[in-house]
Amino acid sequence: MRKYYMLSLVIISISFLGFGCSSTDQVNSSGSNYEEVPMPEQALSFEYPEPDVWAKYPGGSDAVLEHIKMNSIIPEKARLEGYSGHLLITYVVDKEGKASMAEVLRSPHDSITSLYEDIIDKMHRWEPAVLDGEPIEQRYVISSHFREGETQ
């Protein structure tokens, strides 16, 4: 039986406060509802500054979290070898809206690292962040804590 594990996606999930993101703007011609997904100030840098318009994901932050949650099935190898610990991984939404360039900063197991790299790679296309009227790359962070035996 496959077990789903509760994720505490701290950085991504509670980043709306203070950013005034739009929750209902339709921004593409296909009718999909793309919503801004802002990041907290701590995730900004010279390389990835605060944009005028944050990158938008179809369904917004809730849809990003749902995508991660629904695809977070602990690999058998991690279950057999043990996997408790913290995952911290960054990725970039590029100028074309593709989530890529995953960089693992911490992971409880190599197979969990691979799992999250696949999750990021399989995200729907985003609308890129915009700064001064031009699309820019924007970095995002996933932070999760895993404890063996916890199920959803």
C-alpha atoms as a PDB file:
ATOM      1  CA  MET A   1       0.000   0.000   0.000  1.00  0.00           C
ATOM      2  CA  ARG A   2       1.341   3.381  -0.969  1.00  0.00           C
ATOM      3  CA  LYS A   3       1.424   5.994   1.720  1.00  0.00           C
ATOM      4  CA  TYR A   4       1.007   9.707   1.229  1.00  0.00           C
ATOM      5  CA  TYR A   5       2.904  11.953   3.562  1.00  0.00           C
ATOM      6  CA  MET A   6       1.874  15.312   4.902  1.00  0.00           C
ATOM      7  CA  LEU A   7       4.135  18.057   3.662  1.00  0.00           C
ATOM      8  CA  SER A   8       4.853  21.232   5.511  1.00  0.00           C
ATOM      9  CA  LEU A   9       5.604  23.513   2.590  1.00  0.00           C
ATOM     10  CA  VAL A  10       6.340  26.457   4.797  1.00  0.00           C
ATOM     11  CA  ILE A  11       7.983  28.830   2.363  1.00  0.00           C
ATOM     12  CA  ILE A  12       5.611  28.295  -0.544  1.00  0.00           C
ATOM     13  CA  SER A  13       2.298  27.916   1.277  1.00  0.00           C
ATOM     14  CA  ILE A  14       2.157  31.006   3.453  1.00  0.00           C
ATOM     15  CA  SER A  15       3.773  33.543   1.166  1.00  0.00           C
ATOM     16  CA  PHE A  16       0.673  35.516   0.204  1.00  0.00           C
ATOM     17  CA  LEU A  17       0.709  37.970   3.105  1.00  0.00           C
ATOM     18  CA  GLY A  18       1.913  41.407   2.202  1.00  0.00           C
ATOM     19  CA  PHE A  19       2.200  40.773  -1.518  1.00  0.00           C
ATOM     20  CA  GLY A  20      -1.335  41.628  -2.637  1.00  0.00           C
ATOM     21  CA  CYS A  21      -1.526  38.874  -5.205  1.00  0.00           C
ATOM     22  CA  SER A  22      -4.441  38.551  -7.563  1.00  0.00           C
ATOM     23  CA  SER A  23      -6.620  35.507  -7.103  1.00  0.00           C
ATOM     24  CA  THR A  24      -9.094  35.849  -9.952  1.00  0.00           C
ATOM     25  CA  ASP A  25      -7.310  37.460 -12.893  1.00  0.00           C
ATOM     26  CA  GLN A  26      -7.527  35.472 -16.084  1.00  0.00           C
ATOM     27  CA  VAL A  27      -4.370  36.230 -17.959  1.00  0.00           C
ATOM     28  CA  ASN A  28      -4.323  33.949 -20.954  1.00  0.00           C
ATOM     29  CA  SER A  29      -6.564  33.342 -23.915  1.00  0.00           C
ATOM     30  CA  SER A  30      -7.166  29.650 -23.204  1.00  0.00           C
ATOM     31  CA  GLY A  31      -9.381  30.482 -20.213  1.00  0.00           C
ATOM     32  CA  SER A  32      -7.120  28.819 -17.621  1.00  0.00           C
ATOM     33  CA  ASN A  33      -7.049  30.741 -14.382  1.00  0.00           C
ATOM     34  CA  TYR A  34      -3.431  31.656 -13.723  1.00  0.00           C
ATOM     35  CA  GLU A  35      -2.764  33.200 -10.324  1.00  0.00           C
ATOM     36  CA  GLU A  36       0.342  34.906  -9.000  1.00  0.00           C
ATOM     37  CA  VAL A  37       2.542  32.835  -6.695  1.00  0.00           C
ATOM     38  CA  PRO A  38       4.664  35.283  -4.678  1.00  0.00           C
ATOM     39  CA  MET A  39       7.685  34.357  -2.597  1.00  0.00           C
ATOM     40  CA  PRO A  40       8.672  35.758   0.793  1.00  0.00           C
ATOM     41  CA  GLU A  41      11.255  38.506   0.927  1.00  0.00           C
ATOM     42  CA  GLN A  42      13.944  36.108   2.230  1.00  0.00           C
ATOM     43  CA  ALA A  43      13.911  34.238  -1.103  1.00  0.00           C
ATOM     44  CA  LEU A  44      14.697  37.349  -3.150  1.00  0.00           C
ATOM     45  CA  SER A  45      18.205  38.202  -4.291  1.00  0.00           C
ATOM     46  CA  PHE A  46      20.109  40.355  -6.758  1.00  0.00           C
ATOM     47  CA  GLU A  47      19.889  37.506  -9.265  1.00  0.00           C
ATOM     48  CA  TYR A  48      16.137  37.009  -8.608  1.00  0.00           C
ATOM     49  CA  PRO A  49      14.720  40.425  -7.588  1.00  0.00           C
ATOM     50  CA  GLU A  50      11.124  41.121  -6.617  1.00  0.00           C
ATOM     51  CA  PRO A  51       9.182  41.379  -9.873  1.00  0.00           C
ATOM     52  CA  ASP A  52       6.382  43.794 -10.725  1.00  0.00           C
ATOM     53  CA  VAL A  53       4.205  40.735 -11.428  1.00  0.00           C
ATOM     54  CA  TRP A  54       5.004  37.367  -9.829  1.00  0.00           C
ATOM     55  CA  ALA A  55       5.117  34.201 -11.894  1.00  0.00           C
ATOM     56  CA  LYS A  56       1.632  32.760 -12.323  1.00  0.00           C
ATOM     57  CA  TYR A  57       0.619  29.118 -12.086  1.00  0.00           C
ATOM     58  CA  PRO A  58      -2.737  27.734 -13.260  1.00  0.00           C
ATOM     59  CA  GLY A  59      -4.751  27.684 -10.031  1.00  0.00           C
ATOM     60  CA  GLY A  60      -2.142  29.634  -8.031  1.00  0.00           C
ATOM     61  CA  SER A  61      -0.344  28.499  -4.874  1.00  0.00           C
ATOM     62  CA  ASP A  62      -3.052  26.006  -3.953  1.00  0.00           C
ATOM     63  CA  ALA A  63      -2.570  24.223  -7.284  1.00  0.00           C
ATOM     64  CA  VAL A  64       1.223  24.171  -6.851  1.00  0.00           C
ATOM     65  CA  LEU A  65       0.791  22.606  -3.403  1.00  0.00           C
ATOM     66  CA  GLU A  66      -1.749  20.103  -4.725  1.00  0.00           C
ATOM     67  CA  HIS A  67       0.608  19.097  -7.559  1.00  0.00           C
ATOM     68  CA  ILE A  68       3.401  18.507  -5.053  1.00  0.00           C
ATOM     69  CA  LYS A  69       1.178  16.695  -2.566  1.00  0.00           C
ATOM     70  CA  MET A  70      -0.440  14.376  -5.124  1.00  0.00           C
ATOM     71  CA  ASN A  71       2.938  13.367  -6.540  1.00  0.00           C
ATOM     72  CA  SER A  72       4.775  12.920  -3.223  1.00  0.00           C
ATOM     73  CA  ILE A  73       4.692   9.162  -2.832  1.00  0.00           C
ATOM     74  CA  ILE A  74       7.696   8.051  -0.832  1.00  0.00           C
ATOM     75  CA  PRO A  75       9.866   5.766  -2.982  1.00  0.00           C
ATOM     76  CA  GLU A  76      10.246   2.162  -1.799  1.00  0.00           C
ATOM     77  CA  LYS A  77      14.013   2.557  -1.477  1.00  0.00           C
ATOM     78  CA  ALA A  78      13.585   5.447   0.959  1.00  0.00           C
ATOM     79  CA  ARG A  79      11.023   3.490   2.982  1.00  0.00           C
ATOM     80  CA  LEU A  80      13.413   0.528   3.273  1.00  0.00           C
ATOM     81  CA  GLU A  81      16.491   2.606   4.107  1.00  0.00           C
ATOM     82  CA  GLY A  82      14.849   5.341   6.214  1.00  0.00           C
ATOM     83  CA  TYR A  83      13.943   8.836   5.150  1.00  0.00           C
ATOM     84  CA  SER A  84      13.205  11.117   8.127  1.00  0.00           C
ATOM     85  CA  GLY A  85      14.500  14.633   7.722  1.00  0.00           C
ATOM     86  CA  HIS A  86      14.120  17.969   6.026  1.00  0.00           C
ATOM     87  CA  LEU A  87      13.930  18.630   2.288  1.00  0.00           C
ATOM     88  CA  LEU A  88      14.926  22.036   0.971  1.00  0.00           C
ATOM     89  CA  ILE A  89      14.975  22.439  -2.784  1.00  0.00           C
ATOM     90  CA  THR A  90      14.914  25.510  -5.021  1.00  0.00           C
ATOM     91  CA  TYR A  91      13.839  25.774  -8.631  1.00  0.00           C
ATOM     92  CA  VAL A  92      13.526  28.511 -11.207  1.00  0.00           C
ATOM     93  CA  VAL A  93      10.576  29.475 -13.359  1.00  0.00           C
ATOM     94  CA  ASP A  94      12.349  30.642 -16.498  1.00  0.00           C
ATOM     95  CA  LYS A  95      11.399  33.399 -18.962  1.00  0.00           C
ATOM     96  CA  GLU A  96       9.300  30.910 -20.937  1.00  0.00           C
ATOM     97  CA  GLY A  97       7.429  29.671 -17.850  1.00  0.00           C
ATOM     98  CA  LYS A  98       9.184  26.304 -17.472  1.00  0.00           C
ATOM     99  CA  ALA A  99      10.013  25.151 -13.942  1.00  0.00           C
ATOM    100  CA  SER A 100      13.568  23.812 -14.003  1.00  0.00           C
ATOM    101  CA  MET A 101      17.056  24.165 -12.536  1.00  0.00           C
ATOM    102  CA  ALA A 102      16.208  22.279  -9.337  1.00  0.00           C
ATOM    103  CA  GLU A 103      18.909  22.670  -6.715  1.00  0.00           C
ATOM    104  CA  VAL A 104      18.749  20.471  -3.644  1.00  0.00           C
ATOM    105  CA  LEU A 105      20.046  22.202  -0.541  1.00  0.00           C
ATOM    106  CA  ARG A 106      19.042  19.430   1.864  1.00  0.00           C
ATOM    107  CA  SER A 107      17.311  16.079   1.501  1.00  0.00           C
ATOM    108  CA  PRO A 108      16.625  13.115   3.768  1.00  0.00           C
ATOM    109  CA  HIS A 109      17.285  10.563   0.984  1.00  0.00           C
ATOM    110  CA  ASP A 110      18.576  10.475  -2.609  1.00  0.00           C
ATOM    111  CA  SER A 111      15.373   8.880  -3.887  1.00  0.00           C
ATOM    112  CA  ILE A 112      13.328  11.713  -2.362  1.00  0.00           C
ATOM    113  CA  THR A 113      15.639  14.156  -4.111  1.00  0.00           C
ATOM    114  CA  SER A 114      14.921  12.410  -7.424  1.00  0.00           C
ATOM    115  CA  LEU A 115      11.193  12.377  -6.678  1.00  0.00           C
ATOM    116  CA  TYR A 116      11.090  16.145  -6.145  1.00  0.00           C
ATOM    117  CA  GLU A 117      13.227  16.846  -9.202  1.00  0.00           C
ATOM    118  CA  ASP A 118      10.609  14.907 -11.212  1.00  0.00           C
ATOM    119  CA  ILE A 119       7.744  16.768  -9.519  1.00  0.00           C
ATOM    120  CA  ILE A 120       9.291  20.096 -10.498  1.00  0.00           C
ATOM    121  CA  ASP A 121       9.999  18.905 -14.037  1.00  0.00           C
ATOM    122  CA  LYS A 122       6.357  17.799 -14.486  1.00  0.00           C
ATOM    123  CA  MET A 123       4.770  21.076 -13.342  1.00  0.00           C
ATOM    124  CA  HIS A 124       2.386  22.733 -15.766  1.00  0.00           C
ATOM    125  CA  ARG A 125       3.804  25.684 -17.644  1.00  0.00           C
ATOM    126  CA  TRP A 126       3.801  28.909 -15.644  1.00  0.00           C
ATOM    127  CA  GLU A 127       3.447  32.453 -16.896  1.00  0.00           C
ATOM    128  CA  PRO A 128       6.816  34.024 -16.113  1.00  0.00           C
ATOM    129  CA  ALA A 129       7.374  36.833 -13.638  1.00  0.00           C
ATOM    130  CA  VAL A 130       7.575  40.324 -15.143  1.00  0.00           C
ATOM    131  CA  LEU A 131       9.896  43.180 -14.226  1.00  0.00           C
ATOM    132  CA  ASP A 132       9.831  46.488 -16.104  1.00  0.00           C
ATOM    133  CA  GLY A 133       7.558  44.952 -18.734  1.00  0.00           C
ATOM    134  CA  GLU A 134       9.936  42.067 -19.522  1.00  0.00           C
ATOM    135  CA  PRO A 135       9.698  38.397 -18.480  1.00  0.00           C
ATOM    136  CA  ILE A 136      12.322  37.389 -15.929  1.00  0.00           C
ATOM    137  CA  GLU A 137      13.417  34.197 -14.191  1.00  0.00           C
ATOM    138  CA  GLN A 138      12.117  33.741 -10.653  1.00  0.00           C
ATOM    139  CA  ARG A 139      13.361  31.366  -7.962  1.00  0.00           C
ATOM    140  CA  TYR A 140      10.993  29.341  -5.780  1.00  0.00           C
ATOM    141  CA  VAL A 141      11.610  27.165  -2.734  1.00  0.00           C
ATOM    142  CA  ILE A 142      10.039  23.945  -1.493  1.00  0.00           C
ATOM    143  CA  SER A 143      10.563  23.112   2.157  1.00  0.00           C
ATOM    144  CA  SER A 144       9.156  19.871   3.581  1.00  0.00           C
ATOM    145  CA  HIS A 145       9.726  17.767   6.651  1.00  0.00           C
ATOM    146  CA  PHE A 146       9.458  13.988   6.451  1.00  0.00           C
ATOM    147  CA  ARG A 147       8.917  11.637   9.371  1.00  0.00           C
ATOM    148  CA  GLU A 148       8.756   7.909   8.884  1.00  0.00           C
ATOM    149  CA  GLY A 149       5.370   6.451   9.710  1.00  0.00           C
ATOM    150  CA  GLU A 150       3.356   9.631   9.169  1.00  0.00           C
ATOM    151  CA  THR A 151       0.521   9.140   6.744  1.00  0.00           C
ATOM    152  CA  GLN A 152      -2.045  11.461   5.320  1.00  0.00           C
END
